[in-house]
N, C-alpha and C. Protein backbone atom coordinates (compact mmCIF):
# COMPACT_ATOMS: atom_id res chain seq x y z
N MET A 1 0.84 -1.18 0.00
CA MET A 1 0.00 0.00 0.00
C MET A 1 0.89 1.24 0.00
N ILE A 2 0.39 2.31 -0.62
CA ILE A 2 1.14 3.56 -0.68
C ILE A 2 0.46 4.58 0.21
N ILE A 3 1.24 5.22 1.06
CA ILE A 3 0.77 6.29 1.93
C ILE A 3 1.48 7.55 1.47
N GLY A 4 0.72 8.53 1.02
CA GLY A 4 1.29 9.75 0.47
C GLY A 4 1.39 10.86 1.51
N PHE A 5 2.43 11.67 1.35
CA PHE A 5 2.62 12.86 2.19
C PHE A 5 2.66 14.05 1.24
N SER A 6 1.69 14.93 1.39
CA SER A 6 1.51 16.04 0.47
C SER A 6 1.69 17.34 1.24
N GLY A 7 1.81 18.44 0.49
CA GLY A 7 1.89 19.75 1.12
C GLY A 7 2.85 20.67 0.40
N ALA A 8 2.87 21.90 0.83
CA ALA A 8 3.70 22.92 0.21
C ALA A 8 5.18 22.63 0.40
N ALA A 9 6.00 23.28 -0.41
CA ALA A 9 7.44 23.18 -0.26
C ALA A 9 7.84 23.62 1.14
N GLY A 10 8.73 22.87 1.77
CA GLY A 10 9.20 23.24 3.10
C GLY A 10 8.29 22.84 4.23
N SER A 11 7.29 21.99 3.97
CA SER A 11 6.35 21.61 5.03
C SER A 11 6.83 20.41 5.85
N GLY A 12 8.03 19.95 5.59
CA GLY A 12 8.60 18.88 6.41
C GLY A 12 8.24 17.48 5.98
N LYS A 13 7.80 17.33 4.73
CA LYS A 13 7.38 16.01 4.25
C LYS A 13 8.52 14.99 4.30
N THR A 14 9.66 15.36 3.77
CA THR A 14 10.80 14.43 3.69
C THR A 14 11.25 14.00 5.08
N THR A 15 11.39 14.96 5.96
CA THR A 15 11.81 14.65 7.33
C THR A 15 10.80 13.74 8.01
N LEU A 16 9.53 14.03 7.85
CA LEU A 16 8.48 13.24 8.47
C LEU A 16 8.45 11.82 7.89
N VAL A 17 8.54 11.70 6.57
CA VAL A 17 8.54 10.38 5.93
C VAL A 17 9.71 9.54 6.46
N ASN A 18 10.89 10.13 6.49
CA ASN A 18 12.07 9.39 6.96
C ASN A 18 11.92 8.94 8.41
N GLU A 19 11.37 9.80 9.25
CA GLU A 19 11.23 9.46 10.67
C GLU A 19 10.15 8.39 10.89
N VAL A 20 9.02 8.51 10.19
CA VAL A 20 7.96 7.51 10.31
C VAL A 20 8.48 6.16 9.81
N ALA A 21 9.22 6.16 8.70
CA ALA A 21 9.79 4.92 8.17
C ALA A 21 10.72 4.27 9.19
N LYS A 22 11.53 5.09 9.84
CA LYS A 22 12.45 4.56 10.85
C LYS A 22 11.69 3.89 11.99
N VAL A 23 10.63 4.53 12.45
CA VAL A 23 9.83 3.96 13.55
C VAL A 23 9.17 2.66 13.11
N LEU A 24 8.57 2.67 11.93
CA LEU A 24 7.88 1.46 11.45
C LEU A 24 8.85 0.30 11.25
N ARG A 25 10.02 0.60 10.71
CA ARG A 25 11.03 -0.46 10.54
C ARG A 25 11.45 -1.04 11.88
N SER A 26 11.57 -0.16 12.88
CA SER A 26 11.97 -0.65 14.21
C SER A 26 10.90 -1.57 14.81
N LYS A 27 9.67 -1.46 14.31
CA LYS A 27 8.58 -2.32 14.78
C LYS A 27 8.41 -3.56 13.90
N GLY A 28 9.33 -3.73 12.92
CA GLY A 28 9.31 -4.93 12.09
C GLY A 28 8.56 -4.83 10.77
N TYR A 29 8.08 -3.66 10.41
CA TYR A 29 7.37 -3.51 9.14
C TYR A 29 8.35 -3.37 7.98
N ASN A 30 7.97 -3.93 6.84
CA ASN A 30 8.77 -3.81 5.61
C ASN A 30 8.33 -2.52 4.92
N VAL A 31 9.16 -1.48 5.04
CA VAL A 31 8.81 -0.13 4.58
C VAL A 31 9.80 0.37 3.54
N SER A 32 9.28 0.94 2.45
CA SER A 32 10.09 1.65 1.47
C SER A 32 9.68 3.11 1.46
N THR A 33 10.59 3.96 1.04
CA THR A 33 10.27 5.38 0.90
C THR A 33 10.54 5.82 -0.54
N VAL A 34 9.74 6.77 -0.99
CA VAL A 34 9.95 7.42 -2.28
C VAL A 34 10.20 8.88 -1.95
N ILE A 35 11.44 9.30 -2.14
CA ILE A 35 11.88 10.61 -1.68
C ILE A 35 12.44 11.44 -2.84
N ASN A 36 12.12 12.73 -2.84
CA ASN A 36 12.76 13.72 -3.70
C ASN A 36 12.79 13.39 -5.19
N THR A 37 11.69 12.92 -5.74
CA THR A 37 11.70 12.59 -7.16
C THR A 37 11.91 13.84 -8.02
N ALA A 38 11.33 14.97 -7.63
CA ALA A 38 11.53 16.19 -8.42
C ALA A 38 12.99 16.62 -8.40
N ARG A 39 13.66 16.44 -7.27
CA ARG A 39 15.08 16.78 -7.19
C ARG A 39 15.91 15.86 -8.09
N GLU A 40 15.53 14.59 -8.17
CA GLU A 40 16.23 13.65 -9.04
C GLU A 40 16.05 14.04 -10.50
N VAL A 41 14.84 14.42 -10.87
CA VAL A 41 14.58 14.85 -12.24
C VAL A 41 15.35 16.13 -12.54
N LEU A 42 15.37 17.08 -11.60
CA LEU A 42 16.13 18.31 -11.77
C LEU A 42 17.60 18.01 -12.01
N GLU A 43 18.15 17.08 -11.25
CA GLU A 43 19.57 16.72 -11.42
C GLU A 43 19.82 16.12 -12.81
N THR A 44 18.89 15.33 -13.31
CA THR A 44 19.01 14.78 -14.66
C THR A 44 18.99 15.90 -15.70
N TYR A 45 18.11 16.87 -15.51
CA TYR A 45 18.04 18.02 -16.43
C TYR A 45 19.35 18.82 -16.38
N ARG A 46 19.90 18.98 -15.19
CA ARG A 46 21.18 19.69 -15.07
C ARG A 46 22.28 18.96 -15.83
N LYS A 47 22.34 17.66 -15.60
CA LYS A 47 23.42 16.84 -16.17
C LYS A 47 23.31 16.71 -17.69
N HIS A 48 22.12 16.43 -18.19
CA HIS A 48 21.97 16.11 -19.61
C HIS A 48 21.55 17.28 -20.49
N LEU A 49 20.92 18.28 -19.91
CA LEU A 49 20.43 19.41 -20.71
C LEU A 49 21.11 20.73 -20.37
N GLY A 50 21.98 20.71 -19.36
CA GLY A 50 22.67 21.94 -18.98
C GLY A 50 21.78 22.95 -18.27
N ILE A 51 20.63 22.51 -17.78
CA ILE A 51 19.72 23.41 -17.04
C ILE A 51 20.38 23.75 -15.71
N LYS A 52 20.37 25.04 -15.36
CA LYS A 52 21.04 25.46 -14.12
C LYS A 52 20.16 25.34 -12.88
N ASP A 53 18.90 25.73 -13.00
CA ASP A 53 18.07 25.79 -11.80
C ASP A 53 16.59 25.74 -12.18
N LEU A 54 15.74 25.79 -11.17
CA LEU A 54 14.30 25.74 -11.41
C LEU A 54 13.79 26.94 -12.20
N LYS A 55 14.41 28.09 -12.01
CA LYS A 55 13.99 29.27 -12.75
C LYS A 55 14.13 29.04 -14.25
N GLU A 56 15.24 28.45 -14.66
CA GLU A 56 15.46 28.17 -16.08
C GLU A 56 14.46 27.13 -16.60
N ILE A 57 14.15 26.14 -15.77
CA ILE A 57 13.15 25.14 -16.17
C ILE A 57 11.80 25.81 -16.38
N ARG A 58 11.44 26.72 -15.49
CA ARG A 58 10.15 27.41 -15.62
C ARG A 58 10.09 28.22 -16.91
N GLU A 59 11.22 28.74 -17.32
CA GLU A 59 11.25 29.57 -18.54
C GLU A 59 11.24 28.72 -19.81
N LYS A 60 11.82 27.51 -19.75
CA LYS A 60 12.04 26.76 -20.99
C LYS A 60 11.36 25.41 -21.10
N LYS A 61 11.33 24.64 -20.04
CA LYS A 61 10.97 23.24 -20.16
C LYS A 61 9.92 22.79 -19.14
N LEU A 62 9.09 23.68 -18.71
CA LEU A 62 8.21 23.36 -17.59
C LEU A 62 7.35 22.13 -17.82
N LEU A 63 6.63 22.07 -18.93
CA LEU A 63 5.71 20.97 -19.14
C LEU A 63 6.46 19.64 -19.23
N ASP A 64 7.59 19.64 -19.95
CA ASP A 64 8.40 18.43 -20.03
C ASP A 64 8.89 18.03 -18.64
N PHE A 65 9.33 19.00 -17.88
CA PHE A 65 9.85 18.72 -16.54
C PHE A 65 8.77 18.12 -15.65
N GLN A 66 7.57 18.72 -15.66
CA GLN A 66 6.49 18.21 -14.82
C GLN A 66 6.04 16.82 -15.26
N LEU A 67 6.02 16.57 -16.57
CA LEU A 67 5.68 15.24 -17.05
C LEU A 67 6.73 14.24 -16.56
N SER A 68 7.99 14.62 -16.63
CA SER A 68 9.07 13.75 -16.14
C SER A 68 8.93 13.47 -14.65
N CYS A 69 8.56 14.49 -13.87
CA CYS A 69 8.36 14.31 -12.43
C CYS A 69 7.22 13.34 -12.16
N LEU A 70 6.12 13.49 -12.88
CA LEU A 70 4.98 12.60 -12.71
C LEU A 70 5.35 11.16 -13.02
N ILE A 71 6.00 10.95 -14.15
CA ILE A 71 6.36 9.59 -14.55
C ILE A 71 7.36 9.00 -13.56
N HIS A 72 8.33 9.80 -13.14
CA HIS A 72 9.35 9.31 -12.20
C HIS A 72 8.72 8.96 -10.86
N GLN A 73 7.83 9.82 -10.37
CA GLN A 73 7.13 9.55 -9.10
C GLN A 73 6.32 8.26 -9.21
N THR A 74 5.57 8.14 -10.29
CA THR A 74 4.72 6.97 -10.49
C THR A 74 5.55 5.70 -10.57
N TRP A 75 6.65 5.74 -11.31
CA TRP A 75 7.50 4.56 -11.46
C TRP A 75 8.14 4.17 -10.12
N LYS A 76 8.65 5.14 -9.39
CA LYS A 76 9.28 4.83 -8.10
C LYS A 76 8.26 4.26 -7.11
N GLU A 77 7.04 4.79 -7.10
CA GLU A 77 6.00 4.26 -6.23
C GLU A 77 5.66 2.82 -6.63
N TYR A 78 5.54 2.58 -7.92
CA TYR A 78 5.22 1.24 -8.42
C TYR A 78 6.30 0.24 -8.01
N CYS A 79 7.55 0.59 -8.23
CA CYS A 79 8.65 -0.31 -7.86
C CYS A 79 8.68 -0.57 -6.36
N ALA A 80 8.51 0.48 -5.57
CA ALA A 80 8.55 0.34 -4.11
C ALA A 80 7.38 -0.52 -3.63
N LYS A 81 6.21 -0.33 -4.24
CA LYS A 81 5.02 -1.10 -3.84
C LYS A 81 5.22 -2.59 -4.07
N ASN A 82 5.98 -2.94 -5.09
CA ASN A 82 6.24 -4.35 -5.38
C ASN A 82 7.31 -4.95 -4.49
N GLN A 83 7.99 -4.12 -3.70
CA GLN A 83 9.06 -4.61 -2.83
C GLN A 83 8.71 -4.55 -1.35
N SER A 84 7.72 -3.77 -0.98
CA SER A 84 7.43 -3.53 0.44
C SER A 84 5.94 -3.57 0.72
N GLU A 85 5.60 -3.88 1.96
CA GLU A 85 4.19 -3.87 2.33
C GLU A 85 3.67 -2.46 2.54
N ILE A 86 4.55 -1.54 2.95
CA ILE A 86 4.16 -0.14 3.15
C ILE A 86 5.14 0.75 2.40
N VAL A 87 4.61 1.65 1.59
CA VAL A 87 5.43 2.64 0.88
C VAL A 87 5.02 4.01 1.39
N LEU A 88 5.99 4.79 1.84
CA LEU A 88 5.74 6.17 2.26
C LEU A 88 6.28 7.08 1.16
N ALA A 89 5.40 7.84 0.53
CA ALA A 89 5.76 8.68 -0.60
C ALA A 89 5.85 10.15 -0.18
N ASP A 90 7.06 10.69 -0.30
CA ASP A 90 7.31 12.11 -0.06
C ASP A 90 6.86 12.86 -1.31
N ARG A 91 5.73 13.49 -1.25
CA ARG A 91 4.98 14.11 -2.33
C ARG A 91 4.02 13.07 -2.89
N THR A 92 3.02 13.58 -3.58
CA THR A 92 2.06 12.72 -4.26
C THR A 92 1.94 13.22 -5.69
N ILE A 93 1.24 12.47 -6.49
CA ILE A 93 1.00 12.91 -7.85
C ILE A 93 0.23 14.23 -7.86
N TYR A 94 -0.61 14.43 -6.86
CA TYR A 94 -1.39 15.67 -6.78
C TYR A 94 -0.48 16.90 -6.59
N ASP A 95 0.63 16.72 -5.88
CA ASP A 95 1.59 17.82 -5.73
C ASP A 95 2.17 18.20 -7.09
N HIS A 96 2.49 17.19 -7.89
CA HIS A 96 3.03 17.47 -9.23
C HIS A 96 1.99 18.16 -10.11
N LEU A 97 0.73 17.79 -9.96
CA LEU A 97 -0.33 18.49 -10.69
C LEU A 97 -0.41 19.96 -10.29
N PHE A 98 -0.22 20.23 -9.00
CA PHE A 98 -0.23 21.62 -8.56
C PHE A 98 0.80 22.44 -9.32
N TYR A 99 2.03 21.94 -9.39
CA TYR A 99 3.09 22.71 -10.05
C TYR A 99 2.76 22.96 -11.51
N LEU A 100 2.19 21.97 -12.18
CA LEU A 100 1.80 22.17 -13.56
C LEU A 100 0.74 23.25 -13.67
N LEU A 101 -0.29 23.16 -12.85
CA LEU A 101 -1.38 24.13 -12.91
C LEU A 101 -0.90 25.54 -12.56
N PHE A 102 0.00 25.64 -11.60
CA PHE A 102 0.46 26.95 -11.15
C PHE A 102 1.33 27.64 -12.19
N TYR A 103 2.19 26.88 -12.85
CA TYR A 103 3.13 27.49 -13.80
C TYR A 103 2.69 27.42 -15.25
N TYR A 104 1.63 26.71 -15.56
CA TYR A 104 1.20 26.58 -16.94
C TYR A 104 0.85 27.94 -17.53
N ARG A 105 1.33 28.20 -18.72
CA ARG A 105 1.02 29.44 -19.43
C ARG A 105 0.24 29.09 -20.70
N PRO A 106 -0.91 29.72 -20.94
CA PRO A 106 -1.74 29.36 -22.09
C PRO A 106 -1.02 29.45 -23.44
N ASN A 107 0.01 30.27 -23.57
CA ASN A 107 0.70 30.38 -24.85
C ASN A 107 1.69 29.24 -25.07
N ASN A 108 1.87 28.37 -24.07
CA ASN A 108 2.73 27.19 -24.24
C ASN A 108 2.05 26.21 -25.19
N ASN A 109 2.84 25.32 -25.75
CA ASN A 109 2.31 24.25 -26.57
C ASN A 109 1.41 23.38 -25.70
N THR A 110 0.18 23.15 -26.12
CA THR A 110 -0.75 22.39 -25.27
C THR A 110 -0.60 20.89 -25.42
N VAL A 111 0.15 20.42 -26.41
CA VAL A 111 0.30 18.98 -26.60
C VAL A 111 0.92 18.32 -25.37
N PRO A 112 2.03 18.85 -24.80
CA PRO A 112 2.55 18.22 -23.59
C PRO A 112 1.56 18.25 -22.43
N LEU A 113 0.74 19.29 -22.35
CA LEU A 113 -0.25 19.37 -21.28
C LEU A 113 -1.27 18.24 -21.42
N ILE A 114 -1.74 18.01 -22.64
CA ILE A 114 -2.68 16.92 -22.89
C ILE A 114 -2.01 15.59 -22.57
N GLU A 115 -0.74 15.44 -22.98
CA GLU A 115 0.00 14.21 -22.70
C GLU A 115 0.13 14.00 -21.19
N TYR A 116 0.38 15.07 -20.48
CA TYR A 116 0.54 15.00 -19.03
C TYR A 116 -0.72 14.45 -18.38
N PHE A 117 -1.86 15.04 -18.71
CA PHE A 117 -3.11 14.60 -18.08
C PHE A 117 -3.52 13.21 -18.55
N SER A 118 -3.19 12.85 -19.79
CA SER A 118 -3.45 11.48 -20.25
C SER A 118 -2.64 10.49 -19.45
N THR A 119 -1.37 10.81 -19.20
CA THR A 119 -0.52 9.94 -18.40
C THR A 119 -1.05 9.85 -16.99
N PHE A 120 -1.44 10.98 -16.42
CA PHE A 120 -1.99 10.99 -15.06
C PHE A 120 -3.22 10.10 -14.98
N ASN A 121 -4.13 10.25 -15.93
CA ASN A 121 -5.37 9.47 -15.90
C ASN A 121 -5.10 7.98 -16.09
N HIS A 122 -4.06 7.65 -16.84
CA HIS A 122 -3.70 6.25 -17.04
C HIS A 122 -3.27 5.61 -15.73
N PHE A 123 -2.49 6.33 -14.94
CA PHE A 123 -1.92 5.76 -13.72
C PHE A 123 -2.81 5.94 -12.50
N GLU A 124 -3.74 6.85 -12.56
CA GLU A 124 -4.43 7.25 -11.33
C GLU A 124 -5.94 7.30 -11.50
N LYS A 125 -6.63 6.60 -10.65
CA LYS A 125 -8.07 6.78 -10.52
C LYS A 125 -8.24 7.51 -9.21
N ARG A 126 -8.86 8.63 -9.23
CA ARG A 126 -8.93 9.52 -8.06
C ARG A 126 -9.27 8.75 -6.78
N GLY A 127 -8.36 8.85 -5.82
CA GLY A 127 -8.57 8.25 -4.52
C GLY A 127 -8.19 6.79 -4.41
N GLU A 128 -7.74 6.16 -5.50
CA GLU A 128 -7.43 4.73 -5.44
C GLU A 128 -5.94 4.44 -5.36
N ARG A 129 -5.10 5.36 -5.71
CA ARG A 129 -3.66 5.10 -5.72
C ARG A 129 -3.09 5.01 -4.31
N TYR A 130 -3.50 5.94 -3.46
CA TYR A 130 -2.95 6.03 -2.11
C TYR A 130 -3.94 5.47 -1.09
N ARG A 131 -3.45 4.65 -0.20
CA ARG A 131 -4.31 4.12 0.88
C ARG A 131 -4.71 5.26 1.81
N LEU A 132 -3.75 6.14 2.10
CA LEU A 132 -3.98 7.34 2.91
C LEU A 132 -3.11 8.46 2.36
N ILE A 133 -3.54 9.69 2.59
CA ILE A 133 -2.71 10.84 2.29
C ILE A 133 -2.69 11.74 3.53
N PHE A 134 -1.49 12.17 3.89
CA PHE A 134 -1.31 13.14 4.97
C PHE A 134 -0.94 14.47 4.33
N PHE A 135 -1.72 15.50 4.64
CA PHE A 135 -1.40 16.84 4.16
C PHE A 135 -0.62 17.56 5.26
N CYS A 136 0.64 17.90 4.97
CA CYS A 136 1.52 18.52 5.95
C CYS A 136 1.46 20.04 5.83
N LYS A 137 1.06 20.69 6.89
CA LYS A 137 1.00 22.16 6.92
C LYS A 137 2.41 22.72 7.04
N ALA A 138 2.68 23.78 6.34
CA ALA A 138 4.00 24.41 6.35
C ALA A 138 4.16 25.31 7.57
N PRO A 139 5.43 25.52 8.00
CA PRO A 139 5.68 26.46 9.09
C PRO A 139 5.53 27.90 8.59
N GLU A 140 5.63 28.85 9.52
CA GLU A 140 5.50 30.27 9.15
C GLU A 140 6.60 30.73 8.19
N SER A 141 7.82 30.22 8.37
CA SER A 141 8.92 30.59 7.46
C SER A 141 9.56 29.31 6.94
N ILE A 142 10.09 29.39 5.72
CA ILE A 142 10.66 28.23 5.06
C ILE A 142 12.13 28.48 4.75
N LYS A 143 12.95 27.50 5.04
CA LYS A 143 14.39 27.60 4.80
C LYS A 143 14.68 27.36 3.31
N LEU A 144 15.42 28.27 2.70
CA LEU A 144 15.83 28.09 1.31
C LEU A 144 16.99 27.10 1.27
N ASP A 145 16.97 26.21 0.29
CA ASP A 145 17.98 25.14 0.27
C ASP A 145 18.62 24.91 -1.08
N GLY A 146 18.52 25.83 -2.00
CA GLY A 146 19.12 25.65 -3.31
C GLY A 146 18.15 25.09 -4.34
N VAL A 147 17.10 24.42 -3.89
CA VAL A 147 16.06 23.98 -4.82
C VAL A 147 14.86 24.91 -4.67
N ARG A 148 14.50 25.20 -3.43
CA ARG A 148 13.46 26.21 -3.22
C ARG A 148 14.12 27.58 -3.41
N ASP A 149 13.39 28.50 -3.99
CA ASP A 149 13.89 29.86 -4.10
C ASP A 149 12.75 30.83 -3.83
N PRO A 150 13.07 32.12 -3.64
CA PRO A 150 12.04 33.05 -3.18
C PRO A 150 10.78 33.10 -4.04
N ASP A 151 10.89 32.86 -5.35
CA ASP A 151 9.69 32.97 -6.17
C ASP A 151 8.77 31.75 -6.07
N VAL A 152 9.14 30.72 -5.30
CA VAL A 152 8.22 29.60 -5.10
C VAL A 152 7.67 29.58 -3.68
N LEU A 153 7.91 30.63 -2.94
CA LEU A 153 7.40 30.67 -1.57
C LEU A 153 6.00 31.27 -1.55
N TYR A 154 5.08 30.54 -2.09
CA TYR A 154 3.68 30.96 -2.17
C TYR A 154 2.86 29.93 -1.42
N THR A 155 3.27 29.66 -0.20
CA THR A 155 2.70 28.59 0.60
C THR A 155 1.17 28.60 0.65
N PRO A 156 0.52 29.73 0.91
CA PRO A 156 -0.95 29.68 0.98
C PRO A 156 -1.58 29.21 -0.33
N VAL A 157 -1.01 29.63 -1.47
CA VAL A 157 -1.55 29.19 -2.76
C VAL A 157 -1.32 27.69 -2.92
N GLN A 158 -0.09 27.24 -2.64
CA GLN A 158 0.21 25.82 -2.74
C GLN A 158 -0.75 25.00 -1.89
N GLU A 159 -0.87 25.38 -0.63
CA GLU A 159 -1.71 24.60 0.28
C GLU A 159 -3.16 24.56 -0.21
N SER A 160 -3.65 25.70 -0.63
CA SER A 160 -5.04 25.80 -1.05
C SER A 160 -5.32 24.93 -2.29
N VAL A 161 -4.47 25.03 -3.31
CA VAL A 161 -4.70 24.29 -4.54
C VAL A 161 -4.47 22.79 -4.32
N ILE A 162 -3.42 22.43 -3.61
CA ILE A 162 -3.16 21.01 -3.37
C ILE A 162 -4.33 20.38 -2.63
N ARG A 163 -4.87 21.08 -1.64
CA ARG A 163 -6.03 20.55 -0.91
C ARG A 163 -7.22 20.32 -1.83
N MET A 164 -7.39 21.21 -2.82
CA MET A 164 -8.50 21.03 -3.77
C MET A 164 -8.27 19.81 -4.66
N LEU A 165 -7.02 19.52 -4.99
CA LEU A 165 -6.71 18.40 -5.86
C LEU A 165 -6.80 17.06 -5.15
N LEU A 166 -6.50 17.05 -3.86
CA LEU A 166 -6.43 15.80 -3.11
C LEU A 166 -7.80 15.16 -2.90
N PRO A 167 -7.83 13.82 -2.93
CA PRO A 167 -9.04 13.16 -2.41
C PRO A 167 -8.98 13.29 -0.88
N ASP A 168 -9.63 12.45 -0.14
CA ASP A 168 -9.61 12.54 1.33
C ASP A 168 -8.19 12.54 1.87
N TYR A 169 -7.98 13.27 2.96
CA TYR A 169 -6.64 13.34 3.55
C TYR A 169 -6.75 13.68 5.03
N TYR A 170 -5.66 13.42 5.75
CA TYR A 170 -5.52 13.80 7.15
C TYR A 170 -4.54 14.97 7.20
N THR A 171 -4.86 15.97 7.98
CA THR A 171 -3.98 17.13 8.13
C THR A 171 -3.00 16.90 9.27
N VAL A 172 -1.73 17.23 9.00
CA VAL A 172 -0.70 17.20 10.04
C VAL A 172 -0.22 18.64 10.21
N ASP A 173 -0.67 19.28 11.29
CA ASP A 173 -0.27 20.67 11.55
C ASP A 173 1.21 20.73 11.87
N TRP A 174 1.82 21.90 11.58
CA TRP A 174 3.23 22.09 11.89
C TRP A 174 3.41 22.12 13.41
N CYS A 175 4.26 21.26 13.90
CA CYS A 175 4.58 21.18 15.33
C CYS A 175 5.90 20.42 15.42
N PRO A 176 6.44 20.22 16.60
CA PRO A 176 7.70 19.48 16.68
C PRO A 176 7.60 18.12 15.97
N LEU A 177 8.71 17.68 15.39
CA LEU A 177 8.74 16.45 14.61
C LEU A 177 8.19 15.26 15.39
N GLU A 178 8.57 15.13 16.63
CA GLU A 178 8.11 14.01 17.46
C GLU A 178 6.58 13.96 17.52
N ASP A 179 5.95 15.13 17.62
CA ASP A 179 4.49 15.19 17.68
C ASP A 179 3.87 14.84 16.32
N ARG A 180 4.50 15.29 15.23
CA ARG A 180 3.98 14.96 13.90
C ARG A 180 4.06 13.45 13.65
N VAL A 181 5.15 12.83 14.09
CA VAL A 181 5.29 11.38 13.95
C VAL A 181 4.18 10.68 14.73
N LYS A 182 3.90 11.14 15.96
CA LYS A 182 2.84 10.54 16.77
C LYS A 182 1.48 10.66 16.08
N ILE A 183 1.22 11.80 15.45
CA ILE A 183 -0.05 12.00 14.73
C ILE A 183 -0.18 10.96 13.62
N VAL A 184 0.86 10.81 12.83
CA VAL A 184 0.82 9.86 11.71
C VAL A 184 0.65 8.44 12.21
N LEU A 185 1.44 8.06 13.21
CA LEU A 185 1.34 6.69 13.75
C LEU A 185 -0.04 6.41 14.34
N SER A 186 -0.63 7.41 14.98
CA SER A 186 -1.96 7.25 15.55
C SER A 186 -2.99 6.98 14.46
N VAL A 187 -2.90 7.72 13.35
CA VAL A 187 -3.83 7.51 12.23
C VAL A 187 -3.60 6.12 11.62
N LEU A 188 -2.35 5.75 11.43
CA LEU A 188 -2.06 4.43 10.86
C LEU A 188 -2.63 3.32 11.75
N LYS A 189 -2.56 3.51 13.06
CA LYS A 189 -3.13 2.52 13.98
C LYS A 189 -4.65 2.51 13.89
N ASP A 190 -5.25 3.70 13.91
CA ASP A 190 -6.72 3.80 13.82
C ASP A 190 -7.26 3.20 12.53
N GLU A 191 -6.48 3.30 11.45
CA GLU A 191 -6.91 2.79 10.14
C GLU A 191 -6.61 1.29 9.98
N GLY A 192 -5.99 0.69 11.01
CA GLY A 192 -5.69 -0.74 10.96
C GLY A 192 -4.50 -1.10 10.09
N ILE A 193 -3.65 -0.12 9.82
CA ILE A 193 -2.47 -0.37 8.98
C ILE A 193 -1.33 -0.94 9.80
N ILE A 194 -1.24 -0.47 11.05
CA ILE A 194 -0.21 -1.01 11.96
C ILE A 194 -0.88 -1.49 13.24
C-alpha cells in the first residue's frame, strides 16, 4: 500500500517520511520510501540538458519537466510497492499536478499538457492510488535550500490548490517532529495499517 505525504514546499514532508519509516522499521514492518523525485529529475536536467536551476526550467521546459516528475514519481512508487508492504511517498501525484497548474502558461504548446493529463489518468483513478494521504502544513517561514527559491514561496496558494486536488486526507499541523510522527502513527493505527 502507498501512503502519500503532500503539502507545500518546506512543510517537512521528507523529514516526516524518513522518521515515520524509521519507527515502522523498528517495529518490524517492511517499509520503502519514495523521496525527492523532483530533485532527481532536476539533477538529470542539469546533467543532460545543462539546465542550471528551477527558474530556467520554468522559462524553458516546464511541461516536459512536470511530465518527467509525474512519470518518475509513479515509477518509483510502483517499484517500491512491489518490494514492500508499506510505501511512504514524499509528495504525491497531486503535488506534481499543482506545479503544472500553477506554472502553466496558455501560450505554451498544449500537446505536452494533454499528454501529461493522459498519463496521469492512465496511472491514477482519483482516490485509489494512495491508501492514505497526509497533508503537511507548512511552518511560518521556510528555509531556502538551493532547490526552493524566493519565487516559489507561495505557501498559501500551494496549500489551497493542493487541498482542492487531493481526495480525502488527514492534516498534520506544523509542530515538533516528534508530535507529527505521533499523529501519523496514531492515524495508521486507527486505520488498521499497523
